[in-house]
C-alpha atoms as a PDB file:
ATOM      1  CA  MET A   1     135.670 126.500 112.697  1.00  0.00           C
ATOM      2  CA  ARG A   2     135.140 123.984 109.913  1.00  0.00           C
ATOM      3  CA  PHE A   3     138.047 121.971 111.284  1.00  0.00           C
ATOM      4  CA  LEU A   4     136.626 122.019 114.831  1.00  0.00           C
ATOM      5  CA  THR A   5     133.187 121.111 113.517  1.00  0.00           C
ATOM      6  CA  LEU A   6     134.697 118.129 111.690  1.00  0.00           C
ATOM      7  CA  VAL A   7     136.609 117.043 114.792  1.00  0.00           C
ATOM      8  CA  PHE A   8     133.543 117.208 117.010  1.00  0.00           C
ATOM      9  CA  ALA A   9     131.437 115.377 114.431  1.00  0.00           C
ATOM     10  CA  LEU A  10     134.041 112.640 114.116  1.00  0.00           C
ATOM     11  CA  ALA A  11     134.302 112.344 117.890  1.00  0.00           C
ATOM     12  CA  GLY A  12     130.549 112.028 118.139  1.00  0.00           C
ATOM     13  CA  ALA A  13     130.491 109.328 115.489  1.00  0.00           C
ATOM     14  CA  LEU A  14     133.222 107.330 117.198  1.00  0.00           C
ATOM     15  CA  ALA A  15     131.890 107.770 120.744  1.00  0.00           C
ATOM     16  CA  PRO A  16     129.556 104.746 120.652  1.00  0.00           C
ATOM     17  CA  PHE A  17     132.390 102.489 119.519  1.00  0.00           C
ATOM     18  CA  ALA A  18     134.678 103.794 122.248  1.00  0.00           C
ATOM     19  CA  ALA A  19     131.926 103.242 124.787  1.00  0.00           C
ATOM     20  CA  TRP A  20     131.502  99.633 123.617  1.00  0.00           C
ATOM     21  CA  GLY A  21     135.154  98.908 124.253  1.00  0.00           C
ATOM     22  CA  GLN A  22     135.477 100.779 127.560  1.00  0.00           C
ATOM     23  CA  ALA A  23     132.156 100.186 129.310  1.00  0.00           C
ATOM     24  CA  TYR A  24     131.502  96.580 128.385  1.00  0.00           C
ATOM     25  CA  PRO A  25     130.428  94.670 130.383  1.00  0.00           C
ATOM     26  CA  ALA A  26     128.328  97.023 132.485  1.00  0.00           C
ATOM     27  CA  LYS A  27     125.645  94.514 133.490  1.00  0.00           C
ATOM     28  CA  PRO A  28     125.109  90.721 133.798  1.00  0.00           C
ATOM     29  CA  ILE A  29     125.751  88.552 130.751  1.00  0.00           C
ATOM     30  CA  ARG A  30     123.265  85.862 129.782  1.00  0.00           C
ATOM     31  CA  VAL A  31     124.616  82.631 128.311  1.00  0.00           C
ATOM     32  CA  VAL A  32     121.964  80.590 126.512  1.00  0.00           C
ATOM     33  CA  VAL A  33     122.546  76.843 126.742  1.00  0.00           C
ATOM     34  CA  PRO A  34     120.164  75.224 124.234  1.00  0.00           C
ATOM     35  CA  PHE A  35     119.994  71.931 126.115  1.00  0.00           C
ATOM     36  CA  SER A  36     118.873  70.649 129.523  1.00  0.00           C
ATOM     37  CA  PRO A  37     121.010  71.028 132.658  1.00  0.00           C
ATOM     38  CA  GLY A  38     123.554  68.272 133.214  1.00  0.00           C
ATOM     39  CA  GLY A  39     124.601  67.706 129.616  1.00  0.00           C
ATOM     40  CA  THR A  40     127.908  68.520 127.965  1.00  0.00           C
ATOM     41  CA  SER A  41     126.808  71.941 126.695  1.00  0.00           C
ATOM     42  CA  ASP A  42     125.596  72.866 130.166  1.00  0.00           C
ATOM     43  CA  ILE A  43     128.846  71.777 131.832  1.00  0.00           C
ATOM     44  CA  ILE A  44     130.943  73.695 129.302  1.00  0.00           C
ATOM     45  CA  GLY A  45     128.773  76.804 129.569  1.00  0.00           C
ATOM     46  CA  ARG A  46     128.801  76.888 133.361  1.00  0.00           C
ATOM     47  CA  THR A  47     132.560  76.325 133.513  1.00  0.00           C
ATOM     48  CA  LEU A  48     133.313  79.139 131.072  1.00  0.00           C
ATOM     49  CA  GLY A  49     130.671  81.385 132.605  1.00  0.00           C
ATOM     50  CA  GLN A  50     132.111  81.076 136.090  1.00  0.00           C
ATOM     51  CA  LYS A  51     135.594  81.997 134.885  1.00  0.00           C
ATOM     52  CA  LEU A  52     134.254  84.929 132.877  1.00  0.00           C
ATOM     53  CA  SER A  53     132.339  86.218 135.901  1.00  0.00           C
ATOM     54  CA  GLU A  54     135.429  85.937 138.091  1.00  0.00           C
ATOM     55  CA  ALA A  55     137.541  87.841 135.565  1.00  0.00           C
ATOM     56  CA  TRP A  56     135.096  90.639 134.755  1.00  0.00           C
ATOM     57  CA  GLY A  57     133.248  91.043 138.044  1.00  0.00           C
ATOM     58  CA  GLN A  58     129.816  90.737 136.451  1.00  0.00           C
ATOM     59  CA  PRO A  59     127.324  87.901 136.976  1.00  0.00           C
ATOM     60  CA  VAL A  60     127.126  85.416 134.116  1.00  0.00           C
ATOM     61  CA  ILE A  61     123.685  83.828 134.117  1.00  0.00           C
ATOM     62  CA  MET A  62     123.025  80.437 132.544  1.00  0.00           C
ATOM     63  CA  ASP A  63     119.746  80.222 130.636  1.00  0.00           C
ATOM     64  CA  ASN A  64     118.898  76.627 129.721  1.00  0.00           C
ATOM     65  CA  ARG A  65     116.419  76.611 126.817  1.00  0.00           C
ATOM     66  CA  ALA A  66     116.084  73.014 125.658  1.00  0.00           C
ATOM     67  CA  GLY A  67     113.894  72.026 122.723  1.00  0.00           C
ATOM     68  CA  VAL A  68     113.942  71.062 119.044  1.00  0.00           C
ATOM     69  CA  ALA A  69     117.405  69.462 119.392  1.00  0.00           C
ATOM     70  CA  GLY A  70     118.913  72.736 120.516  1.00  0.00           C
ATOM     71  CA  SER A  71     117.220  74.975 117.960  1.00  0.00           C
ATOM     72  CA  LEU A  72     114.829  76.595 120.436  1.00  0.00           C
ATOM     73  CA  GLY A  73     117.640  78.099 122.503  1.00  0.00           C
ATOM     74  CA  ALA A  74     119.694  78.938 119.431  1.00  0.00           C
ATOM     75  CA  ALA A  75     116.757  80.882 117.964  1.00  0.00           C
ATOM     76  CA  ILE A  76     116.320  82.814 121.207  1.00  0.00           C
ATOM     77  CA  ALA A  77     119.995  83.793 121.163  1.00  0.00           C
ATOM     78  CA  ALA A  78     119.900  84.720 117.459  1.00  0.00           C
ATOM     79  CA  LYS A  79     116.958  87.080 118.006  1.00  0.00           C
ATOM     80  CA  SER A  80     118.495  88.819 121.034  1.00  0.00           C
ATOM     81  CA  PRO A  81     120.030  92.314 120.836  1.00  0.00           C
ATOM     82  CA  PRO A  82     123.587  92.119 119.438  1.00  0.00           C
ATOM     83  CA  ASP A  83     125.047  94.043 122.371  1.00  0.00           C
ATOM     84  CA  GLY A  84     127.272  91.344 123.864  1.00  0.00           C
ATOM     85  CA  TYR A  85     124.944  90.612 126.763  1.00  0.00           C
ATOM     86  CA  THR A  86     123.451  87.460 125.260  1.00  0.00           C
ATOM     87  CA  LEU A  87     125.798  84.667 124.201  1.00  0.00           C
ATOM     88  CA  LEU A  88     125.166  81.124 123.002  1.00  0.00           C
ATOM     89  CA  VAL A  89     127.041  77.940 123.791  1.00  0.00           C
ATOM     90  CA  GLY A  90     126.397  76.356 120.423  1.00  0.00           C
ATOM     91  CA  ASN A  91     127.474  72.957 119.246  1.00  0.00           C
ATOM     92  CA  VAL A  92     127.477  71.109 115.963  1.00  0.00           C
ATOM     93  CA  GLY A  93     123.775  70.209 116.295  1.00  0.00           C
ATOM     94  CA  PRO A  94     121.925  73.528 116.340  1.00  0.00           C
ATOM     95  CA  VAL A  95     124.710  75.377 114.518  1.00  0.00           C
ATOM     96  CA  ALA A  96     125.567  72.985 111.670  1.00  0.00           C
ATOM     97  CA  VAL A  97     122.978  70.186 111.512  1.00  0.00           C
ATOM     98  CA  ASN A  98     119.465  71.237 112.454  1.00  0.00           C
ATOM     99  CA  ASN A  99     118.702  73.393 109.434  1.00  0.00           C
ATOM    100  CA  SER A 100     119.047  70.253 107.295  1.00  0.00           C
ATOM    101  CA  ILE A 101     116.669  68.364 109.614  1.00  0.00           C
ATOM    102  CA  TYR A 102     113.904  70.847 110.345  1.00  0.00           C
ATOM    103  CA  LYS A 103     111.881  72.850 107.850  1.00  0.00           C
ATOM    104  CA  SER A 104     112.081  75.885 110.092  1.00  0.00           C
ATOM    105  CA  THR A 105     114.410  76.494 113.012  1.00  0.00           C
ATOM    106  CA  GLY A 106     113.772  80.215 113.214  1.00  0.00           C
ATOM    107  CA  TYR A 107     117.311  81.195 112.253  1.00  0.00           C
ATOM    108  CA  ASP A 108     119.990  80.822 109.600  1.00  0.00           C
ATOM    109  CA  PRO A 109     123.203  79.594 111.274  1.00  0.00           C
ATOM    110  CA  LEU A 110     125.351  81.082 108.517  1.00  0.00           C
ATOM    111  CA  LYS A 111     123.783  84.554 108.728  1.00  0.00           C
ATOM    112  CA  ASP A 112     122.186  85.048 112.146  1.00  0.00           C
ATOM    113  CA  PHE A 113     125.166  84.505 114.456  1.00  0.00           C
ATOM    114  CA  THR A 114     128.452  86.195 115.199  1.00  0.00           C
ATOM    115  CA  PRO A 115     131.110  83.489 115.729  1.00  0.00           C
ATOM    116  CA  ILE A 116     133.290  84.371 118.735  1.00  0.00           C
ATOM    117  CA  THR A 117     135.470  81.334 119.384  1.00  0.00           C
ATOM    118  CA  LEU A 118     135.641  77.591 119.065  1.00  0.00           C
ATOM    119  CA  ALA A 119     135.986  76.295 122.634  1.00  0.00           C
ATOM    120  CA  VAL A 120     135.921  72.511 122.813  1.00  0.00           C
ATOM    121  CA  THR A 121     136.342  69.523 120.502  1.00  0.00           C
ATOM    122  CA  ALA A 122     135.857  65.839 121.250  1.00  0.00           C
ATOM    123  CA  PRO A 123     135.144  62.534 119.581  1.00  0.00           C
ATOM    124  CA  GLN A 124     132.115  60.651 120.798  1.00  0.00           C
ATOM    125  CA  ILE A 125     132.468  57.435 122.742  1.00  0.00           C
ATOM    126  CA  VAL A 126     130.527  54.246 122.021  1.00  0.00           C
ATOM    127  CA  VAL A 127     129.212  52.728 125.250  1.00  0.00           C
ATOM    128  CA  VAL A 128     127.004  49.742 125.988  1.00  0.00           C
ATOM    129  CA  HIS A 129     125.127  48.450 128.990  1.00  0.00           C
ATOM    130  CA  PRO A 130     127.124  45.697 130.772  1.00  0.00           C
ATOM    131  CA  SER A 131     124.464  43.155 129.828  1.00  0.00           C
ATOM    132  CA  VAL A 132     125.381  43.517 126.145  1.00  0.00           C
ATOM    133  CA  PRO A 133     127.598  40.505 125.273  1.00  0.00           C
ATOM    134  CA  ALA A 134     130.251  42.492 123.409  1.00  0.00           C
ATOM    135  CA  LYS A 135     133.602  43.303 124.976  1.00  0.00           C
ATOM    136  CA  THR A 136     135.083  45.005 121.890  1.00  0.00           C
ATOM    137  CA  PHE A 137     133.735  47.043 119.002  1.00  0.00           C
ATOM    138  CA  ARG A 138     134.423  44.192 116.586  1.00  0.00           C
ATOM    139  CA  GLU A 139     132.286  41.909 118.759  1.00  0.00           C
ATOM    140  CA  PHE A 140     129.589  44.586 118.815  1.00  0.00           C
ATOM    141  CA  MET A 141     129.586  44.733 115.015  1.00  0.00           C
ATOM    142  CA  ALA A 142     129.117  40.989 114.849  1.00  0.00           C
ATOM    143  CA  LEU A 143     126.307  41.193 117.407  1.00  0.00           C
ATOM    144  CA  VAL A 144     124.417  43.824 115.424  1.00  0.00           C
ATOM    145  CA  LYS A 145     124.807  41.805 112.239  1.00  0.00           C
ATOM    146  CA  ALA A 146     123.508  38.639 113.902  1.00  0.00           C
ATOM    147  CA  HIS A 147     120.480  40.362 115.474  1.00  0.00           C
ATOM    148  CA  LYS A 148     119.002  42.432 112.658  1.00  0.00           C
ATOM    149  CA  GLY A 149     116.933  45.330 113.966  1.00  0.00           C
ATOM    150  CA  LYS A 150     116.999  44.133 117.585  1.00  0.00           C
ATOM    151  CA  ILE A 151     119.955  46.024 119.055  1.00  0.00           C
ATOM    152  CA  THR A 152     118.685  49.374 120.308  1.00  0.00           C
ATOM    153  CA  PHE A 153     120.628  52.632 120.112  1.00  0.00           C
ATOM    154  CA  GLY A 154     119.577  55.828 121.828  1.00  0.00           C
ATOM    155  CA  SER A 155     119.889  59.417 120.677  1.00  0.00           C
ATOM    156  CA  SER A 156     118.894  62.883 121.793  1.00  0.00           C
ATOM    157  CA  GLY A 157     116.490  63.145 118.884  1.00  0.00           C
ATOM    158  CA  PRO A 158     116.384  62.889 115.084  1.00  0.00           C
ATOM    159  CA  GLY A 159     119.353  64.642 113.507  1.00  0.00           C
ATOM    160  CA  SER A 160     121.356  64.846 116.719  1.00  0.00           C
ATOM    161  CA  ILE A 161     124.994  63.785 116.493  1.00  0.00           C
ATOM    162  CA  SER A 162     124.218  60.672 118.528  1.00  0.00           C
ATOM    163  CA  HIS A 163     121.524  59.817 115.976  1.00  0.00           C
ATOM    164  CA  LEU A 164     123.643  60.617 112.910  1.00  0.00           C
ATOM    165  CA  SER A 165     126.498  58.521 114.292  1.00  0.00           C
ATOM    166  CA  GLY A 166     124.192  55.521 114.630  1.00  0.00           C
ATOM    167  CA  GLU A 167     122.753  56.082 111.178  1.00  0.00           C
ATOM    168  CA  LEU A 168     126.210  56.456 109.629  1.00  0.00           C
ATOM    169  CA  TYR A 169     127.277  53.223 111.331  1.00  0.00           C
ATOM    170  CA  GLN A 170     124.299  51.347 109.876  1.00  0.00           C
ATOM    171  CA  ARG A 171     124.870  52.823 106.433  1.00  0.00           C
ATOM    172  CA  MET A 172     128.553  51.911 106.381  1.00  0.00           C
ATOM    173  CA  THR A 173     128.013  48.373 107.739  1.00  0.00           C
ATOM    174  CA  LYS A 174     124.730  47.725 105.890  1.00  0.00           C
ATOM    175  CA  THR A 175     123.161  46.555 109.154  1.00  0.00           C
ATOM    176  CA  GLU A 176     120.086  47.599 111.130  1.00  0.00           C
ATOM    177  CA  MET A 177     119.564  48.744 114.707  1.00  0.00           C
ATOM    178  CA  LEU A 178     116.436  50.078 116.388  1.00  0.00           C
ATOM    179  CA  HIS A 179     116.614  53.826 116.978  1.00  0.00           C
ATOM    180  CA  VAL A 180     115.155  55.062 120.297  1.00  0.00           C
ATOM    181  CA  PRO A 181     115.062  58.895 120.489  1.00  0.00           C
ATOM    182  CA  TYR A 182     115.037  60.828 123.760  1.00  0.00           C
ATOM    183  CA  LYS A 183     114.613  64.514 124.541  1.00  0.00           C
ATOM    184  CA  ALA A 184     118.123  65.128 125.907  1.00  0.00           C
ATOM    185  CA  SER A 185     121.505  63.474 126.395  1.00  0.00           C
ATOM    186  CA  ALA A 186     120.894  63.174 130.136  1.00  0.00           C
ATOM    187  CA  PHE A 187     117.858  60.963 129.412  1.00  0.00           C
ATOM    188  CA  ILE A 188     119.878  58.731 127.089  1.00  0.00           C
ATOM    189  CA  THR A 189     122.449  58.171 129.817  1.00  0.00           C
ATOM    190  CA  THR A 190     119.747  57.220 132.292  1.00  0.00           C
ATOM    191  CA  ALA A 191     118.258  54.841 129.730  1.00  0.00           C
ATOM    192  CA  VAL A 192     121.494  53.014 128.928  1.00  0.00           C
ATOM    193  CA  LEU A 193     122.417  52.837 132.622  1.00  0.00           C
ATOM    194  CA  GLY A 194     119.057  51.195 133.284  1.00  0.00           C
ATOM    195  CA  GLY A 195     119.380  48.761 130.393  1.00  0.00           C
ATOM    196  CA  GLU A 196     116.457  50.279 128.464  1.00  0.00           C
ATOM    197  CA  ILE A 197     118.720  50.607 125.418  1.00  0.00           C
ATOM    198  CA  ASP A 198     121.825  48.692 124.401  1.00  0.00           C
ATOM    199  CA  VAL A 199     124.222  51.263 122.975  1.00  0.00           C
ATOM    200  CA  VAL A 200     124.823  55.020 122.742  1.00  0.00           C
ATOM    201  CA  PHE A 201     127.178  57.052 120.581  1.00  0.00           C
ATOM    202  CA  SER A 202     127.568  59.616 123.328  1.00  0.00           C
ATOM    203  CA  ASP A 203     129.378  62.779 124.301  1.00  0.00           C
ATOM    204  CA  MET A 204     132.214  61.727 126.591  1.00  0.00           C
ATOM    205  CA  ALA A 205     131.458  64.263 129.303  1.00  0.00           C
ATOM    206  CA  VAL A 206     128.090  62.658 130.019  1.00  0.00           C
ATOM    207  CA  VAL A 207     129.051  58.970 130.206  1.00  0.00           C
ATOM    208  CA  LEU A 208     132.761  58.828 131.022  1.00  0.00           C
ATOM    209  CA  PRO A 209     132.229  58.907 134.815  1.00  0.00           C
ATOM    210  CA  HIS A 210     129.916  55.899 134.483  1.00  0.00           C
ATOM    211  CA  VAL A 211     132.500  54.073 132.379  1.00  0.00           C
ATOM    212  CA  GLN A 212     135.136  54.766 134.995  1.00  0.00           C
ATOM    213  CA  ALA A 213     132.759  53.495 137.696  1.00  0.00           C
ATOM    214  CA  GLY A 214     132.182  50.242 135.770  1.00  0.00           C
ATOM    215  CA  LYS A 215     128.497  50.945 135.172  1.00  0.00           C
ATOM    216  CA  LEU A 216     128.932  51.168 131.385  1.00  0.00           C
ATOM    217  CA  ARG A 217     131.389  49.510 128.993  1.00  0.00           C
ATOM    218  CA  ALA A 218     133.291  51.637 126.479  1.00  0.00           C
ATOM    219  CA  LEU A 219     133.992  50.012 123.115  1.00  0.00           C
ATOM    220  CA  ALA A 220     135.575  52.740 120.954  1.00  0.00           C
ATOM    221  CA  VAL A 221     135.846  56.445 120.211  1.00  0.00           C
ATOM    222  CA  THR A 222     134.427  57.939 117.029  1.00  0.00           C
ATOM    223  CA  GLY A 223     137.316  60.180 115.996  1.00  0.00           C
ATOM    224  CA  PRO A 224     139.607  59.163 113.135  1.00  0.00           C
ATOM    225  CA  LYS A 225     142.193  57.900 115.641  1.00  0.00           C
ATOM    226  CA  PRO A 226     142.461  57.092 119.372  1.00  0.00           C
ATOM    227  CA  THR A 227     142.524  60.004 121.800  1.00  0.00           C
ATOM    228  CA  PRO A 228     144.668  60.545 124.903  1.00  0.00           C
ATOM    229  CA  LEU A 229     141.437  61.539 126.622  1.00  0.00           C
ATOM    230  CA  VAL A 230     140.704  57.807 126.975  1.00  0.00           C
ATOM    231  CA  PRO A 231     144.050  55.978 126.932  1.00  0.00           C
ATOM    232  CA  GLY A 232     143.978  52.508 125.407  1.00  0.00           C
ATOM    233  CA  LEU A 233     140.541  52.795 123.815  1.00  0.00           C
ATOM    234  CA  PRO A 234     140.665  52.236 120.028  1.00  0.00           C
ATOM    235  CA  SER A 235     138.778  54.206 117.421  1.00  0.00           C
ATOM    236  CA  VAL A 236     135.835  52.833 115.466  1.00  0.00           C
ATOM    237  CA  ALA A 237     137.907  53.250 112.295  1.00  0.00           C
ATOM    238  CA  GLU A 238     140.666  50.933 113.501  1.00  0.00           C
ATOM    239  CA  SER A 239     138.196  48.467 115.033  1.00  0.00           C
ATOM    240  CA  GLY A 240     136.795  47.179 111.780  1.00  0.00           C
ATOM    241  CA  LEU A 241     135.129  50.201 110.188  1.00  0.00           C
ATOM    242  CA  PRO A 242     137.743  52.235 108.252  1.00  0.00           C
ATOM    243  CA  GLY A 243     136.668  55.753 107.346  1.00  0.00           C
ATOM    244  CA  PHE A 244     134.188  56.197 110.191  1.00  0.00           C
ATOM    245  CA  SER A 245     134.687  59.572 111.892  1.00  0.00           C
ATOM    246  CA  MET A 246     132.358  61.784 113.927  1.00  0.00           C
ATOM    247  CA  THR A 247     133.722  64.605 116.089  1.00  0.00           C
ATOM    248  CA  SER A 248     131.689  66.949 118.247  1.00  0.00           C
ATOM    249  CA  TRP A 249     132.538  70.586 118.929  1.00  0.00           C
ATOM    250  CA  TRP A 250     131.254  73.482 120.988  1.00  0.00           C
ATOM    251  CA  GLY A 251     131.815  77.193 120.650  1.00  0.00           C
ATOM    252  CA  VAL A 252     130.637  80.615 121.786  1.00  0.00           C
ATOM    253  CA  LEU A 253     128.503  82.737 119.479  1.00  0.00           C
ATOM    254  CA  GLY A 254     126.402  85.867 119.689  1.00  0.00           C
ATOM    255  CA  PRO A 255     123.633  87.384 117.579  1.00  0.00           C
ATOM    256  CA  ALA A 256     124.617  88.723 114.165  1.00  0.00           C
ATOM    257  CA  GLY A 257     125.803  92.308 114.102  1.00  0.00           C
ATOM    258  CA  MET A 258     127.788  92.408 117.331  1.00  0.00           C
ATOM    259  CA  PRO A 259     130.289  95.306 117.498  1.00  0.00           C
ATOM    260  CA  GLN A 260     133.787  94.193 116.580  1.00  0.00           C
ATOM    261  CA  PRO A 261     135.369  95.563 119.807  1.00  0.00           C
ATOM    262  CA  ILE A 262     133.009  93.405 121.873  1.00  0.00           C
ATOM    263  CA  VAL A 263     133.738  90.321 119.756  1.00  0.00           C
ATOM    264  CA  ALA A 264     137.477  90.936 120.048  1.00  0.00           C
ATOM    265  CA  ARG A 265     137.325  91.348 123.818  1.00  0.00           C
ATOM    266  CA  LEU A 266     135.232  88.205 124.285  1.00  0.00           C
ATOM    267  CA  ASN A 267     137.526  86.219 121.984  1.00  0.00           C
ATOM    268  CA  THR A 268     140.610  87.346 123.898  1.00  0.00           C
ATOM    269  CA  GLU A 269     139.088  86.594 127.299  1.00  0.00           C
ATOM    270  CA  PHE A 270     137.706  83.184 126.350  1.00  0.00           C
ATOM    271  CA  GLY A 271     141.068  82.368 124.769  1.00  0.00           C
ATOM    272  CA  ARG A 272     142.790  83.191 128.047  1.00  0.00           C
ATOM    273  CA  ILE A 273     140.295  81.101 130.015  1.00  0.00           C
ATOM    274  CA  LEU A 274     140.580  78.093 127.692  1.00  0.00           C
ATOM    275  CA  ARG A 275     144.360  78.096 128.035  1.00  0.00           C
ATOM    276  CA  LEU A 276     144.250  77.996 131.841  1.00  0.00           C
ATOM    277  CA  ALA A 277     145.846  74.835 133.242  1.00  0.00           C
ATOM    278  CA  ASP A 278     142.873  74.018 135.474  1.00  0.00           C
ATOM    279  CA  ILE A 279     140.423  74.398 132.577  1.00  0.00           C
ATOM    280  CA  GLN A 280     142.573  72.189 130.340  1.00  0.00           C
ATOM    281  CA  LYS A 281     142.741  69.566 133.089  1.00  0.00           C
ATOM    282  CA  ASN A 282     139.059  69.722 134.035  1.00  0.00           C
ATOM    283  CA  PHE A 283     137.888  69.484 130.434  1.00  0.00           C
ATOM    284  CA  ALA A 284     140.241  66.554 129.772  1.00  0.00           C
ATOM    285  CA  THR A 285     138.670  64.798 132.756  1.00  0.00           C
ATOM    286  CA  LEU A 286     135.321  65.262 131.050  1.00  0.00           C
ATOM    287  CA  GLY A 287     136.676  63.739 127.851  1.00  0.00           C
ATOM    288  CA  VAL A 288     136.871  66.936 125.816  1.00  0.00           C
ATOM    289  CA  ASP A 289     139.739  69.092 124.546  1.00  0.00           C
ATOM    290  CA  ALA A 290     139.797  72.795 125.349  1.00  0.00           C
ATOM    291  CA  THR A 291     140.844  74.744 122.271  1.00  0.00           C
ATOM    292  CA  THR A 292     140.729  78.271 120.840  1.00  0.00           C
ATOM    293  CA  SER A 293     140.269  79.997 117.503  1.00  0.00           C
ATOM    294  CA  THR A 294     139.798  83.375 115.930  1.00  0.00           C
ATOM    295  CA  PRO A 295     136.228  84.395 115.106  1.00  0.00           C
ATOM    296  CA  GLU A 296     137.094  83.977 111.416  1.00  0.00           C
ATOM    297  CA  GLU A 297     138.424  80.440 111.920  1.00  0.00           C
ATOM    298  CA  PHE A 298     135.306  79.462 113.849  1.00  0.00           C
ATOM    299  CA  GLY A 299     133.106  80.927 111.131  1.00  0.00           C
ATOM    300  CA  ALA A 300     134.947  78.917 108.481  1.00  0.00           C
ATOM    301  CA  LEU A 301     134.496  75.719 110.523  1.00  0.00           C
ATOM    302  CA  ILE A 302     130.765  76.332 110.806  1.00  0.00           C
ATOM    303  CA  LYS A 303     130.449  76.701 107.020  1.00  0.00           C
ATOM    304  CA  THR A 304     132.440  73.503 106.389  1.00  0.00           C
ATOM    305  CA  GLU A 305     130.480  71.480 108.943  1.00  0.00           C
ATOM    306  CA  PHE A 306     127.151  72.824 107.670  1.00  0.00           C
ATOM    307  CA  ALA A 307     127.945  71.553 104.166  1.00  0.00           C
ATOM    308  CA  LYS A 308     129.273  68.221 105.471  1.00  0.00           C
ATOM    309  CA  TYR A 309     126.170  67.364 107.476  1.00  0.00           C
ATOM    310  CA  ALA A 310     123.780  68.603 104.820  1.00  0.00           C
ATOM    311  CA  LYS A 311     125.286  66.032 102.466  1.00  0.00           C
ATOM    312  CA  LEU A 312     125.267  63.250 105.088  1.00  0.00           C
ATOM    313  CA  ILE A 313     121.642  63.856 105.974  1.00  0.00           C
ATOM    314  CA  SER A 314     120.693  63.884 102.307  1.00  0.00           C
ATOM    315  CA  ASP A 315     122.621  60.662 101.678  1.00  0.00           C
ATOM    316  CA  ILE A 316     120.989  58.934 104.642  1.00  0.00           C
ATOM    317  CA  GLY A 317     117.580  60.087 103.440  1.00  0.00           C
ATOM    318  CA  ILE A 318     116.311  61.742 106.613  1.00  0.00           C
ATOM    319  CA  GLU A 319     113.169  63.691 105.749  1.00  0.00           C
ATOM    320  CA  ARG A 320     112.933  67.235 107.009  1.00  0.00           C
ATOM    321  CA  GLN A 321     110.464  67.593 109.853  1.00  0.00           C
END
């Protein structure tokens, strides 16, 4: 009897974990995108969400929650039940940068999320309006130097990667540009297309179609070396500014405390999706690289990037808002 009692007790204790693995997903999954529709995060989230819905037969609902450079949506995801039904498409901004910019984001990126997988990496691309008289990045550097404080660069807000790239450029070249912040990357693109600003250090997915259409001029990519995503375009580092490197990334996270079987299943499924030939091709067209990782590898990347940007922001002297 004692043996049977122990067996039944053990079965009861393990039943919830078995149910997690077998029943999930039993209802629609919400994917929080902490930026406006039309941006890189939105495109990545919708692409992955569609494939996940097709594979699992459950609706995957996009929930765009823009605000505070991505921190509003990230906070919503962090405070959601850790049951696998709320996920976050998080990028370097809200996950690794914002806590060094804002006094309170409403979450701790190192404690309040469950890393699931790294999904996409990409250098930024430096683009200018065609009216800017610079055909190469070296010519652009000379232009900025000759017109102190008059060349305008746009960003999606203080502390965004587009902003930090511009600030790092100025710091390394000891030159000045005029920073013009916008609420979202889609607004920056509209501004540079209309000639309201001169230059943007932008996510490729947002501006590459306009470069290909001849509406914007690409000068360089911000990774440490050229990328096959944009054949023939040099890096900033090899165009007169050695050591300059800024790479964006996106990944899937959930609230802290998610059951390991759920995390494992999501990691496996997203890994399968990201290795699909059509996903690889479509993301390359956008100017980003589809990639995969274990949850542990993604967690380690977040910690490294958090420390890296905390130092950069401190060195630049950006005051916390």
